[in-house]
Amino acid sequence: MKNSFYYTFLLGVAIILIATGCEKGTTTGKQSTENEKPISAVGDKIPAGALLAPDTEPGASENNEGVGHYKEGHWKTSLKHFEEAVAAGPKLAEAHYNMALTLDQLGDHGGATTHFGEALKLAPDNPKIKDSKILKDHLGM
């Protein structure tokens, strides 16, 4: 009788340990391989949406590749792509905007403000840029 109770108790403890261990994953189901914070680690805050650029624009392919990484929370990788997009197409407003979003996620608010300003200067009539709350917050609008 005592052995039966002991084994039942151990089984219950094992089930609890297994169940609580499974709850510690991220909301995205993936762990970042770049030592970057997955989205769930930044308070489950969904970052503002990065913008795709028209395929015909210089730097668009790098920008659009960066958007995919941005959506996954791979901030350093997306930043690299956005930097390459700006180098290839310095007048690509979407790349500046996306770089600003990424810099904001990385905590570089000064750099983010600079690139938000450049994006707005390059595309003052683009509603996705000019009406962006995060851009307005950085630029004090």
Protein backbone atom coordinates (compact mmCIF):
# COMPACT_ATOMS: atom_id res chain seq x y z
CA MET A 1 0.00 0.00 0.00
CA LYS A 2 2.80 2.40 0.91
CA ASN A 3 4.63 1.65 -2.36
CA SER A 4 1.50 2.34 -4.37
CA PHE A 5 1.05 5.74 -2.71
CA TYR A 6 4.74 6.56 -3.20
CA TYR A 7 4.68 5.73 -6.92
CA THR A 8 1.44 7.67 -7.45
CA PHE A 9 2.95 10.68 -5.68
CA LEU A 10 6.12 10.55 -7.85
CA LEU A 11 4.04 10.21 -11.01
CA GLY A 12 2.02 13.29 -10.01
CA VAL A 13 5.18 15.32 -9.36
CA ALA A 14 6.64 14.25 -12.71
CA ILE A 15 3.47 15.30 -14.55
CA ILE A 16 3.52 18.72 -12.86
CA LEU A 17 7.20 19.25 -13.71
CA ILE A 18 6.65 18.29 -17.33
CA ALA A 19 3.55 20.50 -17.65
CA THR A 20 5.23 23.57 -16.17
CA GLY A 21 8.33 23.06 -18.30
CA CYS A 22 6.23 23.11 -21.48
CA GLU A 23 4.72 26.50 -20.64
CA LYS A 24 8.05 28.32 -20.82
CA GLY A 25 8.26 28.52 -24.65
CA THR A 26 7.85 31.71 -26.69
CA THR A 27 4.57 32.82 -28.22
CA THR A 28 6.09 32.60 -31.68
CA GLY A 29 7.09 28.96 -31.19
CA LYS A 30 10.70 29.78 -32.14
CA GLN A 31 13.76 30.80 -30.20
CA SER A 32 16.00 33.35 -31.83
CA THR A 33 19.35 32.00 -32.93
CA GLU A 34 20.93 35.45 -32.89
CA ASN A 35 20.74 36.22 -29.16
CA GLU A 36 18.00 38.68 -29.94
CA LYS A 37 14.83 39.06 -27.95
CA PRO A 38 11.92 37.20 -29.52
CA ILE A 39 8.74 39.24 -29.67
CA SER A 40 7.39 37.54 -26.55
CA ALA A 41 10.41 38.77 -24.58
CA VAL A 42 9.53 42.41 -25.20
CA GLY A 43 6.20 42.19 -23.44
CA ASP A 44 4.35 40.55 -26.34
CA LYS A 45 4.27 44.01 -27.92
CA ILE A 46 3.58 43.62 -31.60
CA PRO A 47 6.01 45.96 -33.34
CA ALA A 48 4.75 48.42 -35.94
CA GLY A 49 4.63 46.88 -39.39
CA ALA A 50 7.66 47.12 -41.63
CA LEU A 51 6.92 48.23 -45.19
CA LEU A 52 7.64 46.36 -48.41
CA ALA A 53 9.16 48.39 -51.23
CA PRO A 54 8.23 48.22 -54.92
CA ASP A 55 10.38 45.57 -56.61
CA THR A 56 11.53 48.05 -59.26
CA GLU A 57 13.28 50.34 -56.74
CA PRO A 58 17.02 50.07 -56.03
CA GLY A 59 17.50 48.30 -52.69
CA ALA A 60 14.01 46.78 -52.72
CA SER A 61 15.17 43.17 -52.58
CA GLU A 62 17.31 43.81 -49.48
CA ASN A 63 14.52 45.82 -47.89
CA ASN A 64 11.94 43.12 -48.53
CA GLU A 65 14.28 40.44 -47.17
CA GLY A 66 14.70 42.57 -44.05
CA VAL A 67 10.93 42.79 -43.61
CA GLY A 68 10.73 39.02 -43.27
CA HIS A 69 13.39 39.01 -40.56
CA TYR A 70 11.76 41.98 -38.84
CA LYS A 71 8.47 40.11 -38.58
CA GLU A 72 10.31 37.25 -36.88
CA GLY A 73 11.93 39.60 -34.35
CA HIS A 74 15.42 39.12 -35.80
CA TRP A 75 16.37 42.74 -35.20
CA LYS A 76 20.11 42.56 -35.98
CA THR A 77 19.58 40.60 -39.17
CA SER A 78 16.79 42.87 -40.37
CA LEU A 79 18.92 45.94 -39.57
CA LYS A 80 21.73 44.55 -41.74
CA HIS A 81 19.32 44.14 -44.66
CA PHE A 82 17.83 47.62 -44.20
CA GLU A 83 21.32 49.16 -44.07
CA GLU A 84 22.17 47.39 -47.33
CA ALA A 85 18.87 48.58 -48.84
CA VAL A 86 19.62 52.20 -47.89
CA ALA A 87 23.15 51.88 -49.33
CA ALA A 88 21.74 50.54 -52.62
CA GLY A 89 18.79 52.94 -52.72
CA PRO A 90 19.40 56.00 -50.53
CA LYS A 91 16.06 57.47 -51.63
CA LEU A 92 14.06 54.37 -50.69
CA ALA A 93 11.74 55.76 -48.03
CA GLU A 94 10.51 52.32 -46.96
CA ALA A 95 14.07 51.21 -46.14
CA HIS A 96 14.66 54.29 -43.98
CA TYR A 97 11.32 53.77 -42.25
CA ASN A 98 12.06 50.08 -41.63
CA MET A 99 15.55 50.87 -40.39
CA ALA A 100 14.00 53.34 -37.95
CA LEU A 101 11.54 50.71 -36.69
CA THR A 102 14.39 48.26 -36.17
CA LEU A 103 16.63 50.79 -34.45
CA ASP A 104 13.73 51.58 -32.13
CA GLN A 105 13.42 47.87 -31.26
CA LEU A 106 17.15 47.79 -30.53
CA GLY A 107 16.88 50.84 -28.26
CA ASP A 108 18.69 53.30 -30.56
CA HIS A 109 16.04 56.01 -30.44
CA GLY A 110 18.33 58.72 -31.79
CA GLY A 111 19.10 56.65 -34.87
CA ALA A 112 15.43 55.78 -35.21
CA THR A 113 14.45 59.45 -35.13
CA THR A 114 17.00 60.27 -37.83
CA HIS A 115 15.69 57.58 -40.18
CA PHE A 116 12.03 58.38 -39.47
CA GLY A 117 12.80 61.97 -40.47
CA GLU A 118 14.50 60.83 -43.67
CA ALA A 119 11.59 58.52 -44.54
CA LEU A 120 9.11 61.35 -44.07
CA LYS A 121 11.25 63.72 -46.13
CA LEU A 122 11.43 61.19 -48.99
CA ALA A 123 7.74 60.19 -48.92
CA PRO A 124 5.70 63.01 -47.35
CA ASP A 125 2.50 61.80 -49.04
CA ASN A 126 2.79 58.11 -48.18
CA PRO A 127 0.05 57.55 -45.56
CA LYS A 128 1.76 54.46 -44.14
CA ILE A 129 4.74 56.65 -43.30
CA LYS A 130 3.27 60.09 -42.56
CA ASP A 131 0.41 58.73 -40.42
CA SER A 132 2.60 56.32 -38.44
CA LYS A 133 2.16 56.79 -34.70
CA ILE A 134 5.68 55.64 -33.88
CA LEU A 135 7.14 58.07 -36.44
CA LYS A 136 5.07 60.93 -35.02
CA ASP A 137 6.16 60.03 -31.49
CA HIS A 138 9.83 60.08 -32.45
CA LEU A 139 9.53 63.31 -34.41
CA GLY A 140 7.40 65.04 -31.77
CA MET A 141 4.45 65.56 -34.09
